[in-house]
C-alpha atoms as a PDB file:
ATOM      1  CA  MET A   1       6.882  -8.154  61.869  1.00  0.00           C
ATOM      2  CA  LEU A   2       3.378  -9.552  62.046  1.00  0.00           C
ATOM      3  CA  PRO A   3       1.312  -8.791  58.939  1.00  0.00           C
ATOM      4  CA  ARG A   4      -2.363  -7.986  59.574  1.00  0.00           C
ATOM      5  CA  HIS A   5      -3.564 -10.918  57.490  1.00  0.00           C
ATOM      6  CA  VAL A   6      -1.472 -13.325  59.592  1.00  0.00           C
ATOM      7  CA  LEU A   7      -2.823 -11.835  62.829  1.00  0.00           C
ATOM      8  CA  LYS A   8      -6.383 -12.115  61.508  1.00  0.00           C
ATOM      9  CA  SER A   9      -5.830 -15.717  60.439  1.00  0.00           C
ATOM     10  CA  TYR A  10      -4.459 -16.579  63.874  1.00  0.00           C
ATOM     11  CA  LEU A  11      -7.405 -14.898  65.605  1.00  0.00           C
ATOM     12  CA  LEU A  12      -9.902 -16.719  63.373  1.00  0.00           C
ATOM     13  CA  ASP A  13      -8.297 -20.056  64.274  1.00  0.00           C
ATOM     14  CA  MET A  14      -8.343 -19.453  68.048  1.00  0.00           C
ATOM     15  CA  SER A  15     -10.887 -21.308  70.134  1.00  0.00           C
ATOM     16  CA  GLY A  16     -13.491 -19.491  72.228  1.00  0.00           C
ATOM     17  CA  GLY A  17     -12.116 -17.876  75.363  1.00  0.00           C
ATOM     18  CA  HIS A  18      -8.520 -17.843  74.104  1.00  0.00           C
ATOM     19  CA  ILE A  19      -6.656 -14.555  74.616  1.00  0.00           C
ATOM     20  CA  PHE A  20      -4.043 -13.097  72.280  1.00  0.00           C
ATOM     21  CA  ASP A  21      -1.860 -10.503  74.014  1.00  0.00           C
ATOM     22  CA  LEU A  22      -0.846  -7.656  71.733  1.00  0.00           C
ATOM     23  CA  PRO A  23       1.811  -5.459  73.375  1.00  0.00           C
ATOM     24  CA  TYR A  24       1.727  -1.776  72.415  1.00  0.00           C
ATOM     25  CA  ASP A  25       5.075  -2.045  70.602  1.00  0.00           C
ATOM     26  CA  LEU A  26       3.785  -4.859  68.366  1.00  0.00           C
ATOM     27  CA  PHE A  27       0.490  -3.010  67.901  1.00  0.00           C
ATOM     28  CA  ALA A  28       2.470  -0.043  66.547  1.00  0.00           C
ATOM     29  CA  LYS A  29       4.183  -2.287  63.989  1.00  0.00           C
ATOM     30  CA  VAL A  30       0.930  -3.904  62.821  1.00  0.00           C
ATOM     31  CA  PHE A  31      -1.193  -0.733  63.040  1.00  0.00           C
ATOM     32  CA  PRO A  32       1.129   2.260  62.651  1.00  0.00           C
ATOM     33  CA  PRO A  33       1.607   4.687  64.217  1.00  0.00           C
ATOM     34  CA  GLY A  34       0.296   2.895  67.324  1.00  0.00           C
ATOM     35  CA  HIS A  35      -2.312   2.808  70.069  1.00  0.00           C
ATOM     36  CA  ALA A  36      -2.502   6.591  70.491  1.00  0.00           C
ATOM     37  CA  ASP A  37      -3.815   6.979  66.918  1.00  0.00           C
ATOM     38  CA  LEU A  38      -7.603   6.821  66.470  1.00  0.00           C
ATOM     39  CA  ALA A  39      -7.420   5.349  62.948  1.00  0.00           C
ATOM     40  CA  ALA A  40      -5.039   2.622  64.137  1.00  0.00           C
ATOM     41  CA  ARG A  41      -7.384   1.717  67.006  1.00  0.00           C
ATOM     42  CA  GLU A  42     -10.357   1.657  64.620  1.00  0.00           C
ATOM     43  CA  SER A  43      -8.444  -0.667  62.275  1.00  0.00           C
ATOM     44  CA  LEU A  44      -7.765  -3.004  65.189  1.00  0.00           C
ATOM     45  CA  MET A  45     -11.436  -2.925  66.227  1.00  0.00           C
ATOM     46  CA  THR A  46     -12.515  -3.786  62.684  1.00  0.00           C
ATOM     47  CA  LEU A  47     -10.052  -6.675  62.441  1.00  0.00           C
ATOM     48  CA  ALA A  48     -11.087  -7.959  65.877  1.00  0.00           C
ATOM     49  CA  GLU A  49     -14.776  -7.848  64.954  1.00  0.00           C
ATOM     50  CA  GLU A  50     -14.128  -9.704  61.700  1.00  0.00           C
ATOM     51  CA  ALA A  51     -12.227 -12.373  63.669  1.00  0.00           C
ATOM     52  CA  GLY A  52     -14.921 -12.697  66.355  1.00  0.00           C
ATOM     53  CA  CYS A  53     -12.874 -11.146  69.147  1.00  0.00           C
ATOM     54  CA  ASP A  54     -13.538  -8.646  71.894  1.00  0.00           C
ATOM     55  CA  VAL A  55     -10.879  -6.056  72.682  1.00  0.00           C
ATOM     56  CA  LYS A  56      -9.684  -5.219  76.183  1.00  0.00           C
ATOM     57  CA  ILE A  57      -7.084  -2.487  76.672  1.00  0.00           C
ATOM     58  CA  VAL A  58      -4.782  -3.093  79.630  1.00  0.00           C
ATOM     59  CA  ALA A  59      -3.154   0.342  79.695  1.00  0.00           C
ATOM     60  CA  ASP A  60      -1.150  -0.126  82.891  1.00  0.00           C
ATOM     61  CA  GLU A  61       0.592  -3.115  81.258  1.00  0.00           C
ATOM     62  CA  GLU A  62       0.807  -1.434  77.820  1.00  0.00           C
ATOM     63  CA  ARG A  63      -0.951  -4.267  76.018  1.00  0.00           C
ATOM     64  CA  ILE A  64      -4.238  -5.157  74.380  1.00  0.00           C
ATOM     65  CA  GLU A  65      -6.072  -8.437  74.870  1.00  0.00           C
ATOM     66  CA  LEU A  66      -7.938  -9.880  71.908  1.00  0.00           C
ATOM     67  CA  ILE A  67     -10.413 -12.319  73.423  1.00  0.00           C
ATOM     68  CA  LYS A  68     -12.079 -14.863  71.141  1.00  0.00           C
ATOM     69  CA  ARG A  69     -15.825 -15.017  71.621  1.00  0.00           C
ATOM     70  CA  PRO A  70     -17.351 -18.488  72.069  1.00  0.00           C
ATOM     71  CA  SER A  71     -18.609 -19.890  68.792  1.00  0.00           C
ATOM     72  CA  LYS A  72     -22.344 -19.926  68.236  1.00  0.00           C
ATOM     73  CA  ALA A  73     -23.584 -23.483  68.028  1.00  0.00           C
END
């Protein structure tokens, strides 16, 4: 199990351009009931925004990419 606060902490610590792959099965554990649920997807989008990440859904591979934006210098 990956608690949301641990995922957020990891995303915050990533460097710009780094990608965290979130398979649908892990997504469902962190954001129940899973990717098909609008509220779960909105929760992911909020967490990603707070961590400075863009979200890319790779449906054919049943995973989500969380891509860290470059830091503003």
